[in-house]
Amino acid sequence: YEGDLLLIEDTLDLNGHTLTVTGDLVQLSGTVYINGGKLTVEGDYRMQSRSGTEGAYTYGSSTAQLLMQEDADYVTIGGDFVMNTTVETKEKFSAGTLELKGDFRQPGGKAYLATGTNTVLFSGNKSQTWSQTTEPTIVNFINCSSKKLTINATPVVTGTVTDEKGNISGSGPIRIGTAEQITGSRYSGAVTLTGQCNLNKDLKVGMLTLAEGSKLYGGANTIEAEGVSVNGNLYLEDATLICANNFAVNKTGCLYMQNAGGSILVGGDFRMGSQYNHTGYLTEGSLEVRGHFIQSGYVNFVATNNHTVILSKKLTTSGKNLI
């Protein structure tokens, strides 16, 4: 289809065929049913209402629906995908692949709630942004954006996470049950672990957060993170944990260092703010802190037996010793 395509209502059923829109696809209402077919939009795909005149359009919420329910379903969007529909999306995205070469924006309406085997793939050759006002659920998430992917959303990922390029930034963490969902050993963005994870591989991530009630068992692996925030339970075991910046054990968090082979290196500040007394939790291993050591709010950091704390000498910008 040459130029922009405006869908007002009814159902567009690809029924195994391929449709290419050379301009924008604006879906005011109705249903786009991929149904084993392929949809390519070279411009933006907007699931939004539209008003005004050409060159001065304004956009709002719609009742549009997109159905991806077959493994063969494939949607490629060359521009931005803007989703603002008041129709519930659960069970609408249960299979197929949504490939995005521009931004993924959801300024309002119902969240993108994927189930089954659905995959969201970022593959742009320019910087991309993922921003949503409500928490989306993604099954499989792949980043192969050649520039930078900025995530300003908090997607729950229930399947696999593949970061081929290592160029993810932004304020939003992905929320996963276990680190085993990460393909390979690297995810360059922020991660929140929400379940129980018995780590069986080395892991390198951006900001690492343990949600309240979560458990991470380090095994004998190496864990590298830009920062660490513990709201759940971190069992270091014989792991080596390298935190480039600040490390915080928060009110609901617990840190267990009970193996001689376990070590933590904190490049920034270490803050212990747990409400729990750590008597018996910190008995072996070493904690090296190159910034400030801060105990706040509670009598909590109680090390015993052979546990070692190393306060590394570091110079301030004025040349004085920090410690």
C-alpha atoms as a PDB file:
ATOM      1  CA  TYR A   1       0.000   0.000   0.000  1.00  0.00           C
ATOM      2  CA  GLU A   2       1.560   3.292  -1.089  1.00  0.00           C
ATOM      3  CA  GLY A   3       1.509   6.157   1.403  1.00  0.00           C
ATOM      4  CA  ASP A   4      -0.328   6.403   4.734  1.00  0.00           C
ATOM      5  CA  LEU A   5      -3.065   3.940   5.660  1.00  0.00           C
ATOM      6  CA  LEU A   6      -5.898   5.040   7.964  1.00  0.00           C
ATOM      7  CA  LEU A   7      -7.971   2.247   9.541  1.00  0.00           C
ATOM      8  CA  ILE A   8     -11.259   3.523  10.928  1.00  0.00           C
ATOM      9  CA  GLU A   9     -13.018   0.299  11.974  1.00  0.00           C
ATOM     10  CA  ASP A  10     -13.742  -3.357  11.061  1.00  0.00           C
ATOM     11  CA  THR A  11     -11.089  -6.094  10.709  1.00  0.00           C
ATOM     12  CA  LEU A  12      -8.021  -6.203   8.501  1.00  0.00           C
ATOM     13  CA  ASP A  13      -7.205  -9.933   8.233  1.00  0.00           C
ATOM     14  CA  LEU A  14      -3.892 -10.731   6.529  1.00  0.00           C
ATOM     15  CA  ASN A  15      -4.797 -14.443   6.433  1.00  0.00           C
ATOM     16  CA  GLY A  16      -1.256 -15.613   5.683  1.00  0.00           C
ATOM     17  CA  HIS A  17      -0.458 -12.815   3.236  1.00  0.00           C
ATOM     18  CA  THR A  18       2.040  -9.929   3.348  1.00  0.00           C
ATOM     19  CA  LEU A  19       1.048  -6.275   3.569  1.00  0.00           C
ATOM     20  CA  THR A  20       3.583  -3.455   3.233  1.00  0.00           C
ATOM     21  CA  VAL A  21       2.590   0.117   4.083  1.00  0.00           C
ATOM     22  CA  THR A  22       5.126   2.593   2.715  1.00  0.00           C
ATOM     23  CA  GLY A  23       3.946   5.406   4.987  1.00  0.00           C
ATOM     24  CA  ASP A  24       2.316   5.491   8.426  1.00  0.00           C
ATOM     25  CA  LEU A  25      -0.380   3.131   9.648  1.00  0.00           C
ATOM     26  CA  VAL A  26      -2.890   4.910  11.884  1.00  0.00           C
ATOM     27  CA  GLN A  27      -5.447   2.595  13.473  1.00  0.00           C
ATOM     28  CA  LEU A  28      -8.324   4.519  15.036  1.00  0.00           C
ATOM     29  CA  SER A  29     -10.377   1.435  15.875  1.00  0.00           C
ATOM     30  CA  GLY A  30     -11.065  -2.074  14.648  1.00  0.00           C
ATOM     31  CA  THR A  31      -8.723  -5.052  14.526  1.00  0.00           C
ATOM     32  CA  VAL A  32      -5.528  -5.857  12.630  1.00  0.00           C
ATOM     33  CA  TYR A  33      -5.366  -9.663  12.587  1.00  0.00           C
ATOM     34  CA  ILE A  34      -1.969 -10.907  11.423  1.00  0.00           C
ATOM     35  CA  ASN A  35      -3.252 -14.505  11.160  1.00  0.00           C
ATOM     36  CA  GLY A  36      -0.067 -16.160   9.911  1.00  0.00           C
ATOM     37  CA  GLY A  37       0.869 -13.220   7.704  1.00  0.00           C
ATOM     38  CA  LYS A  38       3.458 -10.437   7.694  1.00  0.00           C
ATOM     39  CA  LEU A  39       2.873  -6.737   8.179  1.00  0.00           C
ATOM     40  CA  THR A  40       5.584  -4.195   7.357  1.00  0.00           C
ATOM     41  CA  VAL A  41       5.032  -0.540   8.164  1.00  0.00           C
ATOM     42  CA  GLU A  42       7.843   1.623   6.846  1.00  0.00           C
ATOM     43  CA  GLY A  43       6.691   4.650   8.836  1.00  0.00           C
ATOM     44  CA  ASP A  44       5.007   4.864  12.257  1.00  0.00           C
ATOM     45  CA  TYR A  45       2.302   2.499  13.462  1.00  0.00           C
ATOM     46  CA  ARG A  46      -0.114   4.388  15.720  1.00  0.00           C
ATOM     47  CA  MET A  47      -2.888   2.618  17.621  1.00  0.00           C
ATOM     48  CA  GLN A  48      -4.429   5.994  18.433  1.00  0.00           C
ATOM     49  CA  SER A  49      -7.274   8.323  17.611  1.00  0.00           C
ATOM     50  CA  ARG A  50      -6.413  11.333  15.455  1.00  0.00           C
ATOM     51  CA  SER A  51      -7.860  14.788  15.033  1.00  0.00           C
ATOM     52  CA  GLY A  52      -6.883  18.019  13.325  1.00  0.00           C
ATOM     53  CA  THR A  53      -5.487  18.666   9.873  1.00  0.00           C
ATOM     54  CA  GLU A  54      -2.458  17.360   8.035  1.00  0.00           C
ATOM     55  CA  GLY A  55       0.712  18.724   9.530  1.00  0.00           C
ATOM     56  CA  ALA A  56      -1.056  19.579  12.796  1.00  0.00           C
ATOM     57  CA  TYR A  57      -2.568  16.277  13.916  1.00  0.00           C
ATOM     58  CA  THR A  58      -3.128  15.533  17.583  1.00  0.00           C
ATOM     59  CA  TYR A  59      -3.418  11.992  18.899  1.00  0.00           C
ATOM     60  CA  GLY A  60      -5.296  10.371  21.768  1.00  0.00           C
ATOM     61  CA  SER A  61      -6.631   7.035  22.967  1.00  0.00           C
ATOM     62  CA  SER A  62      -8.312   4.572  20.620  1.00  0.00           C
ATOM     63  CA  THR A  63     -10.136   1.242  20.618  1.00  0.00           C
ATOM     64  CA  ALA A  64      -7.676  -0.370  18.201  1.00  0.00           C
ATOM     65  CA  GLN A  65      -6.624  -4.009  18.497  1.00  0.00           C
ATOM     66  CA  LEU A  66      -3.628  -5.879  17.102  1.00  0.00           C
ATOM     67  CA  LEU A  67      -3.805  -9.682  17.164  1.00  0.00           C
ATOM     68  CA  MET A  68      -0.599 -11.751  17.008  1.00  0.00           C
ATOM     69  CA  GLN A  69      -1.587 -15.332  17.829  1.00  0.00           C
ATOM     70  CA  GLU A  70       0.263 -17.548  15.321  1.00  0.00           C
ATOM     71  CA  ASP A  71       3.949 -18.518  15.380  1.00  0.00           C
ATOM     72  CA  ALA A  72       4.355 -17.263  11.799  1.00  0.00           C
ATOM     73  CA  ASP A  73       2.991 -13.794  12.617  1.00  0.00           C
ATOM     74  CA  TYR A  74       5.576 -11.084  11.934  1.00  0.00           C
ATOM     75  CA  VAL A  75       5.165  -7.333  12.301  1.00  0.00           C
ATOM     76  CA  THR A  76       8.013  -4.985  11.345  1.00  0.00           C
ATOM     77  CA  ILE A  77       7.743  -1.266  12.112  1.00  0.00           C
ATOM     78  CA  GLY A  78      10.336   0.989  10.508  1.00  0.00           C
ATOM     79  CA  GLY A  79       9.300   4.063  12.489  1.00  0.00           C
ATOM     80  CA  ASP A  80       7.797   4.334  15.975  1.00  0.00           C
ATOM     81  CA  PHE A  81       5.190   2.035  17.472  1.00  0.00           C
ATOM     82  CA  VAL A  82       2.780   4.148  19.531  1.00  0.00           C
ATOM     83  CA  MET A  83       0.191   2.129  21.430  1.00  0.00           C
ATOM     84  CA  ASN A  84      -2.662   3.902  23.215  1.00  0.00           C
ATOM     85  CA  THR A  85      -5.728   1.672  23.260  1.00  0.00           C
ATOM     86  CA  THR A  86      -8.451   1.322  25.867  1.00  0.00           C
ATOM     87  CA  VAL A  87      -9.027  -2.329  24.871  1.00  0.00           C
ATOM     88  CA  GLU A  88      -7.523  -5.004  27.124  1.00  0.00           C
ATOM     89  CA  THR A  89      -4.513  -6.618  25.404  1.00  0.00           C
ATOM     90  CA  LYS A  90      -4.228  -9.855  27.365  1.00  0.00           C
ATOM     91  CA  GLU A  91      -4.192 -12.883  25.006  1.00  0.00           C
ATOM     92  CA  LYS A  92      -3.859 -10.542  22.006  1.00  0.00           C
ATOM     93  CA  PHE A  93      -0.062 -11.012  21.804  1.00  0.00           C
ATOM     94  CA  SER A  94       0.434 -14.745  22.310  1.00  0.00           C
ATOM     95  CA  ALA A  95       2.823 -15.659  19.472  1.00  0.00           C
ATOM     96  CA  GLY A  96       4.857 -14.236  16.599  1.00  0.00           C
ATOM     97  CA  THR A  97       7.472 -11.474  16.515  1.00  0.00           C
ATOM     98  CA  LEU A  98       7.127  -7.710  16.807  1.00  0.00           C
ATOM     99  CA  GLU A  99      10.257  -6.092  15.335  1.00  0.00           C
ATOM    100  CA  LEU A 100      10.803  -2.428  16.108  1.00  0.00           C
ATOM    101  CA  LYS A 101      13.292  -0.169  14.339  1.00  0.00           C
ATOM    102  CA  GLY A 102      12.101   3.014  16.048  1.00  0.00           C
ATOM    103  CA  ASP A 103      10.748   3.835  19.498  1.00  0.00           C
ATOM    104  CA  PHE A 104       8.171   1.843  21.459  1.00  0.00           C
ATOM    105  CA  ARG A 105       5.885   4.334  23.197  1.00  0.00           C
ATOM    106  CA  GLN A 106       2.751   3.834  25.237  1.00  0.00           C
ATOM    107  CA  PRO A 107       1.543   7.262  26.425  1.00  0.00           C
ATOM    108  CA  GLY A 108      -1.668   5.856  27.945  1.00  0.00           C
ATOM    109  CA  GLY A 109      -4.274   3.122  27.798  1.00  0.00           C
ATOM    110  CA  LYS A 110      -3.844  -0.593  28.408  1.00  0.00           C
ATOM    111  CA  ALA A 111      -0.392  -2.133  28.735  1.00  0.00           C
ATOM    112  CA  TYR A 112       1.237  -4.497  26.255  1.00  0.00           C
ATOM    113  CA  LEU A 113       0.558  -7.872  27.910  1.00  0.00           C
ATOM    114  CA  ALA A 114       2.207 -10.716  26.026  1.00  0.00           C
ATOM    115  CA  THR A 115       1.719 -14.413  26.698  1.00  0.00           C
ATOM    116  CA  GLY A 116       2.720 -17.694  25.069  1.00  0.00           C
ATOM    117  CA  THR A 117       5.756 -17.320  22.795  1.00  0.00           C
ATOM    118  CA  ASN A 118       5.498 -13.702  21.654  1.00  0.00           C
ATOM    119  CA  THR A 119       8.818 -11.909  21.023  1.00  0.00           C
ATOM    120  CA  VAL A 120       9.658  -8.197  21.028  1.00  0.00           C
ATOM    121  CA  LEU A 121      12.792  -7.428  19.015  1.00  0.00           C
ATOM    122  CA  PHE A 122      14.567  -4.037  18.877  1.00  0.00           C
ATOM    123  CA  SER A 123      16.681  -3.818  15.701  1.00  0.00           C
ATOM    124  CA  GLY A 124      17.040  -0.143  14.773  1.00  0.00           C
ATOM    125  CA  ASN A 125      20.108   1.436  13.179  1.00  0.00           C
ATOM    126  CA  LYS A 126      19.589   4.592  15.250  1.00  0.00           C
ATOM    127  CA  SER A 127      19.070   5.169  18.984  1.00  0.00           C
ATOM    128  CA  GLN A 128      15.806   3.710  20.240  1.00  0.00           C
ATOM    129  CA  THR A 129      13.676   4.456  23.311  1.00  0.00           C
ATOM    130  CA  TRP A 130      11.198   2.229  25.125  1.00  0.00           C
ATOM    131  CA  SER A 131       8.800   4.268  27.289  1.00  0.00           C
ATOM    132  CA  GLN A 132       5.477   3.162  28.775  1.00  0.00           C
ATOM    133  CA  THR A 133       3.179   4.601  31.424  1.00  0.00           C
ATOM    134  CA  THR A 134       1.984   1.189  32.614  1.00  0.00           C
ATOM    135  CA  GLU A 135       3.989  -1.969  33.309  1.00  0.00           C
ATOM    136  CA  PRO A 136       4.161  -4.171  30.199  1.00  0.00           C
ATOM    137  CA  THR A 137       4.642  -7.930  30.177  1.00  0.00           C
ATOM    138  CA  ILE A 138       6.995  -9.340  27.570  1.00  0.00           C
ATOM    139  CA  VAL A 139       7.658 -13.030  26.937  1.00  0.00           C
ATOM    140  CA  ASN A 140      10.905 -12.950  24.934  1.00  0.00           C
ATOM    141  CA  PHE A 141      12.952  -9.745  24.684  1.00  0.00           C
ATOM    142  CA  ILE A 142      15.803  -9.299  22.189  1.00  0.00           C
ATOM    143  CA  ASN A 143      18.045  -6.264  21.813  1.00  0.00           C
ATOM    144  CA  CYS A 144      20.061  -6.079  18.612  1.00  0.00           C
ATOM    145  CA  SER A 145      19.763  -2.304  18.164  1.00  0.00           C
ATOM    146  CA  SER A 146      22.964  -1.127  16.492  1.00  0.00           C
ATOM    147  CA  LYS A 147      23.138   2.204  18.370  1.00  0.00           C
ATOM    148  CA  LYS A 148      21.593   2.520  21.843  1.00  0.00           C
ATOM    149  CA  LEU A 149      18.394   1.283  23.468  1.00  0.00           C
ATOM    150  CA  THR A 150      17.124   3.474  26.306  1.00  0.00           C
ATOM    151  CA  ILE A 151      14.541   1.754  28.504  1.00  0.00           C
ATOM    152  CA  ASN A 152      12.337   4.106  30.524  1.00  0.00           C
ATOM    153  CA  ALA A 153       9.770   1.420  31.317  1.00  0.00           C
ATOM    154  CA  THR A 154       9.657  -1.441  33.844  1.00  0.00           C
ATOM    155  CA  PRO A 155       8.786  -4.462  31.718  1.00  0.00           C
ATOM    156  CA  VAL A 156       8.161  -7.846  33.295  1.00  0.00           C
ATOM    157  CA  VAL A 157       9.896 -10.463  31.150  1.00  0.00           C
ATOM    158  CA  THR A 158       8.607 -14.015  31.593  1.00  0.00           C
ATOM    159  CA  GLY A 159      10.714 -15.721  28.914  1.00  0.00           C
ATOM    160  CA  THR A 160      14.236 -15.135  27.670  1.00  0.00           C
ATOM    161  CA  VAL A 161      16.331 -11.958  27.611  1.00  0.00           C
ATOM    162  CA  THR A 162      18.917 -11.600  24.828  1.00  0.00           C
ATOM    163  CA  ASP A 163      21.212  -8.566  24.738  1.00  0.00           C
ATOM    164  CA  GLU A 164      23.282  -8.976  21.577  1.00  0.00           C
ATOM    165  CA  LYS A 165      24.735  -5.462  21.482  1.00  0.00           C
ATOM    166  CA  GLY A 166      25.349  -4.533  25.140  1.00  0.00           C
ATOM    167  CA  ASN A 167      24.166  -0.931  24.646  1.00  0.00           C
ATOM    168  CA  ILE A 168      21.151  -0.640  26.965  1.00  0.00           C
ATOM    169  CA  SER A 169      20.672   2.353  29.264  1.00  0.00           C
ATOM    170  CA  GLY A 170      17.826   4.249  30.916  1.00  0.00           C
ATOM    171  CA  SER A 171      16.006   4.464  34.228  1.00  0.00           C
ATOM    172  CA  GLY A 172      13.857   1.370  33.810  1.00  0.00           C
ATOM    173  CA  PRO A 173      14.904  -2.112  34.896  1.00  0.00           C
ATOM    174  CA  ILE A 174      13.587  -5.281  33.393  1.00  0.00           C
ATOM    175  CA  ARG A 175      11.911  -7.479  36.015  1.00  0.00           C
ATOM    176  CA  ILE A 176      12.745 -11.180  35.764  1.00  0.00           C
ATOM    177  CA  GLY A 177      12.208 -14.103  38.098  1.00  0.00           C
ATOM    178  CA  THR A 178      15.708 -15.547  37.729  1.00  0.00           C
ATOM    179  CA  ALA A 179      19.021 -14.624  36.131  1.00  0.00           C
ATOM    180  CA  GLU A 180      18.855 -17.870  34.160  1.00  0.00           C
ATOM    181  CA  GLN A 181      16.414 -16.105  31.827  1.00  0.00           C
ATOM    182  CA  ILE A 182      19.350 -14.034  30.532  1.00  0.00           C
ATOM    183  CA  THR A 183      20.843 -15.661  27.444  1.00  0.00           C
ATOM    184  CA  GLY A 184      24.601 -15.895  27.923  1.00  0.00           C
ATOM    185  CA  SER A 185      26.180 -14.033  30.816  1.00  0.00           C
ATOM    186  CA  ARG A 186      25.540 -10.364  29.988  1.00  0.00           C
ATOM    187  CA  TYR A 187      22.716  -7.873  30.165  1.00  0.00           C
ATOM    188  CA  SER A 188      23.893  -4.272  29.936  1.00  0.00           C
ATOM    189  CA  GLY A 189      20.774  -2.646  31.408  1.00  0.00           C
ATOM    190  CA  ALA A 190      19.242  -2.580  34.869  1.00  0.00           C
ATOM    191  CA  VAL A 191      17.803  -5.814  36.253  1.00  0.00           C
ATOM    192  CA  THR A 192      15.411  -6.541  39.117  1.00  0.00           C
ATOM    193  CA  LEU A 193      15.301 -10.169  40.279  1.00  0.00           C
ATOM    194  CA  THR A 194      11.946 -11.113  41.792  1.00  0.00           C
ATOM    195  CA  GLY A 195      12.185 -14.862  42.435  1.00  0.00           C
ATOM    196  CA  GLN A 196      14.697 -17.434  43.635  1.00  0.00           C
ATOM    197  CA  CYS A 197      17.862 -17.803  41.590  1.00  0.00           C
ATOM    198  CA  ASN A 198      20.575 -20.410  42.059  1.00  0.00           C
ATOM    199  CA  LEU A 199      23.201 -18.869  39.828  1.00  0.00           C
ATOM    200  CA  ASN A 200      25.127 -21.381  37.694  1.00  0.00           C
ATOM    201  CA  LYS A 201      27.074 -18.988  35.457  1.00  0.00           C
ATOM    202  CA  ASP A 202      29.049 -15.758  35.601  1.00  0.00           C
ATOM    203  CA  LEU A 203      26.840 -12.691  35.276  1.00  0.00           C
ATOM    204  CA  LYS A 204      27.491  -9.110  34.192  1.00  0.00           C
ATOM    205  CA  VAL A 205      24.650  -6.560  34.422  1.00  0.00           C
ATOM    206  CA  GLY A 206      23.976  -2.867  34.888  1.00  0.00           C
ATOM    207  CA  MET A 207      22.182  -1.955  38.106  1.00  0.00           C
ATOM    208  CA  LEU A 208      21.276  -5.142  40.006  1.00  0.00           C
ATOM    209  CA  THR A 209      18.281  -5.005  42.357  1.00  0.00           C
ATOM    210  CA  LEU A 210      16.933  -7.859  44.461  1.00  0.00           C
ATOM    211  CA  ALA A 211      13.220  -7.323  45.059  1.00  0.00           C
ATOM    212  CA  GLU A 212      11.674  -7.873  48.472  1.00  0.00           C
ATOM    213  CA  GLY A 213      11.241 -11.604  49.075  1.00  0.00           C
ATOM    214  CA  SER A 214      13.694 -12.630  46.344  1.00  0.00           C
ATOM    215  CA  LYS A 215      16.694 -14.904  46.875  1.00  0.00           C
ATOM    216  CA  LEU A 216      19.968 -14.968  44.946  1.00  0.00           C
ATOM    217  CA  TYR A 217      22.487 -17.750  45.603  1.00  0.00           C
ATOM    218  CA  GLY A 218      25.837 -16.808  44.086  1.00  0.00           C
ATOM    219  CA  GLY A 219      27.419 -20.264  43.873  1.00  0.00           C
ATOM    220  CA  ALA A 220      31.083 -20.030  42.849  1.00  0.00           C
ATOM    221  CA  ASN A 221      30.513 -17.518  40.065  1.00  0.00           C
ATOM    222  CA  THR A 222      31.660 -13.985  39.320  1.00  0.00           C
ATOM    223  CA  ILE A 223      28.967 -11.306  39.438  1.00  0.00           C
ATOM    224  CA  GLU A 224      29.681  -7.835  38.032  1.00  0.00           C
ATOM    225  CA  ALA A 225      27.230  -4.956  38.416  1.00  0.00           C
ATOM    226  CA  GLU A 226      27.252  -1.176  38.077  1.00  0.00           C
ATOM    227  CA  GLY A 227      25.427  -0.939  41.396  1.00  0.00           C
ATOM    228  CA  VAL A 228      23.653  -3.274  43.826  1.00  0.00           C
ATOM    229  CA  SER A 229      20.439  -2.738  45.805  1.00  0.00           C
ATOM    230  CA  VAL A 230      19.355  -5.573  48.106  1.00  0.00           C
ATOM    231  CA  ASN A 231      15.718  -5.652  49.246  1.00  0.00           C
ATOM    232  CA  GLY A 232      15.573  -9.454  49.370  1.00  0.00           C
ATOM    233  CA  ASN A 233      18.175 -12.052  50.342  1.00  0.00           C
ATOM    234  CA  LEU A 234      21.667 -12.254  48.858  1.00  0.00           C
ATOM    235  CA  TYR A 235      23.510 -15.483  49.704  1.00  0.00           C
ATOM    236  CA  LEU A 236      27.024 -14.823  48.415  1.00  0.00           C
ATOM    237  CA  GLU A 237      28.305 -18.387  48.969  1.00  0.00           C
ATOM    238  CA  ASP A 238      31.705 -18.695  47.181  1.00  0.00           C
ATOM    239  CA  ALA A 239      30.950 -16.025  44.579  1.00  0.00           C
ATOM    240  CA  THR A 240      33.016 -12.967  43.747  1.00  0.00           C
ATOM    241  CA  LEU A 241      30.794  -9.901  43.502  1.00  0.00           C
ATOM    242  CA  ILE A 242      32.289  -6.763  41.933  1.00  0.00           C
ATOM    243  CA  CYS A 243      30.136  -3.643  42.338  1.00  0.00           C
ATOM    244  CA  ALA A 244      31.514  -0.692  40.373  1.00  0.00           C
ATOM    245  CA  ASN A 245      29.592   1.957  42.281  1.00  0.00           C
ATOM    246  CA  ASN A 246      27.347   1.929  45.372  1.00  0.00           C
ATOM    247  CA  PHE A 247      26.083  -1.147  47.224  1.00  0.00           C
ATOM    248  CA  ALA A 248      23.022  -0.871  49.499  1.00  0.00           C
ATOM    249  CA  VAL A 249      21.398  -3.415  51.785  1.00  0.00           C
ATOM    250  CA  ASN A 250      17.998  -1.817  52.339  1.00  0.00           C
ATOM    251  CA  LYS A 251      15.385  -2.166  55.098  1.00  0.00           C
ATOM    252  CA  THR A 252      13.981  -5.545  54.002  1.00  0.00           C
ATOM    253  CA  GLY A 253      17.304  -6.865  52.707  1.00  0.00           C
ATOM    254  CA  CYS A 254      19.719  -9.433  54.135  1.00  0.00           C
ATOM    255  CA  LEU A 255      23.314 -10.178  53.167  1.00  0.00           C
ATOM    256  CA  TYR A 256      24.723 -13.628  53.901  1.00  0.00           C
ATOM    257  CA  MET A 257      28.495 -14.150  53.730  1.00  0.00           C
ATOM    258  CA  GLN A 258      29.150 -17.577  55.256  1.00  0.00           C
ATOM    259  CA  ASN A 259      31.738 -19.146  52.917  1.00  0.00           C
ATOM    260  CA  ALA A 260      35.467 -18.489  53.036  1.00  0.00           C
ATOM    261  CA  GLY A 261      35.632 -18.197  49.252  1.00  0.00           C
ATOM    262  CA  GLY A 262      33.084 -15.393  49.000  1.00  0.00           C
ATOM    263  CA  SER A 263      34.207 -11.815  48.393  1.00  0.00           C
ATOM    264  CA  ILE A 264      32.602  -8.466  47.616  1.00  0.00           C
ATOM    265  CA  LEU A 265      34.414  -5.465  46.150  1.00  0.00           C
ATOM    266  CA  VAL A 266      32.510  -2.160  46.320  1.00  0.00           C
ATOM    267  CA  GLY A 267      33.928   0.636  44.193  1.00  0.00           C
ATOM    268  CA  GLY A 268      31.628   3.255  45.759  1.00  0.00           C
ATOM    269  CA  ASP A 269      29.838   3.471  49.105  1.00  0.00           C
ATOM    270  CA  PHE A 270      28.529   0.537  51.113  1.00  0.00           C
ATOM    271  CA  ARG A 271      25.325   1.294  53.010  1.00  0.00           C
ATOM    272  CA  MET A 272      23.792  -1.124  55.525  1.00  0.00           C
ATOM    273  CA  GLY A 273      20.205  -0.119  56.260  1.00  0.00           C
ATOM    274  CA  SER A 274      18.655  -3.522  56.982  1.00  0.00           C
ATOM    275  CA  GLN A 275      16.099  -3.848  59.778  1.00  0.00           C
ATOM    276  CA  TYR A 276      17.559  -7.272  60.583  1.00  0.00           C
ATOM    277  CA  ASN A 277      20.424  -7.949  62.963  1.00  0.00           C
ATOM    278  CA  HIS A 278      23.035  -9.806  60.924  1.00  0.00           C
ATOM    279  CA  THR A 279      24.523 -11.831  63.765  1.00  0.00           C
ATOM    280  CA  GLY A 280      25.432 -15.202  62.228  1.00  0.00           C
ATOM    281  CA  TYR A 281      24.983 -13.904  58.678  1.00  0.00           C
ATOM    282  CA  LEU A 282      28.476 -12.428  58.228  1.00  0.00           C
ATOM    283  CA  THR A 283      30.887 -15.137  59.366  1.00  0.00           C
ATOM    284  CA  GLU A 284      33.314 -15.723  56.473  1.00  0.00           C
ATOM    285  CA  GLY A 285      34.658 -14.084  53.333  1.00  0.00           C
ATOM    286  CA  SER A 286      35.735 -10.503  52.705  1.00  0.00           C
ATOM    287  CA  LEU A 287      34.037  -7.192  52.032  1.00  0.00           C
ATOM    288  CA  GLU A 288      36.256  -4.497  50.504  1.00  0.00           C
ATOM    289  CA  VAL A 289      34.872  -0.963  50.374  1.00  0.00           C
ATOM    290  CA  ARG A 290      36.608   1.817  48.444  1.00  0.00           C
ATOM    291  CA  GLY A 291      34.094   4.507  49.313  1.00  0.00           C
ATOM    292  CA  HIS A 292      32.253   5.259  52.558  1.00  0.00           C
ATOM    293  CA  PHE A 293      30.995   2.540  54.906  1.00  0.00           C
ATOM    294  CA  ILE A 294      27.619   3.700  56.226  1.00  0.00           C
ATOM    295  CA  GLN A 295      25.471   1.930  58.800  1.00  0.00           C
ATOM    296  CA  SER A 296      22.083   3.584  59.133  1.00  0.00           C
ATOM    297  CA  GLY A 297      18.888   3.183  61.109  1.00  0.00           C
ATOM    298  CA  TYR A 298      19.475  -0.111  62.896  1.00  0.00           C
ATOM    299  CA  VAL A 299      22.053  -2.204  64.731  1.00  0.00           C
ATOM    300  CA  ASN A 300      22.507  -4.533  61.800  1.00  0.00           C
ATOM    301  CA  PHE A 301      26.069  -5.056  60.563  1.00  0.00           C
ATOM    302  CA  VAL A 302      27.347  -7.619  63.087  1.00  0.00           C
ATOM    303  CA  ALA A 303      30.235  -9.671  61.693  1.00  0.00           C
ATOM    304  CA  THR A 304      31.695 -12.647  63.558  1.00  0.00           C
ATOM    305  CA  ASN A 305      34.178 -15.508  63.189  1.00  0.00           C
ATOM    306  CA  ASN A 306      36.515 -14.969  60.205  1.00  0.00           C
ATOM    307  CA  HIS A 307      34.644 -12.300  58.277  1.00  0.00           C
ATOM    308  CA  THR A 308      36.908  -9.501  57.037  1.00  0.00           C
ATOM    309  CA  VAL A 309      36.117  -5.880  56.167  1.00  0.00           C
ATOM    310  CA  ILE A 310      38.744  -4.014  54.138  1.00  0.00           C
ATOM    311  CA  LEU A 311      38.536  -0.242  53.872  1.00  0.00           C
ATOM    312  CA  SER A 312      40.735   0.530  50.881  1.00  0.00           C
ATOM    313  CA  LYS A 313      42.733   3.720  50.899  1.00  0.00           C
ATOM    314  CA  LYS A 314      41.476   6.170  48.315  1.00  0.00           C
ATOM    315  CA  LEU A 315      42.453   9.769  47.676  1.00  0.00           C
ATOM    316  CA  THR A 316      39.931  12.581  47.392  1.00  0.00           C
ATOM    317  CA  THR A 317      40.180  15.233  44.672  1.00  0.00           C
ATOM    318  CA  SER A 318      42.127  17.401  47.132  1.00  0.00           C
ATOM    319  CA  GLY A 319      44.699  14.629  47.588  1.00  0.00           C
ATOM    320  CA  LYS A 320      43.668  13.660  51.121  1.00  0.00           C
ATOM    321  CA  ASN A 321      42.997  10.139  52.262  1.00  0.00           C
ATOM    322  CA  LEU A 322      39.298   9.261  52.165  1.00  0.00           C
ATOM    323  CA  ILE A 323      39.784   6.695  54.924  1.00  0.00           C
END
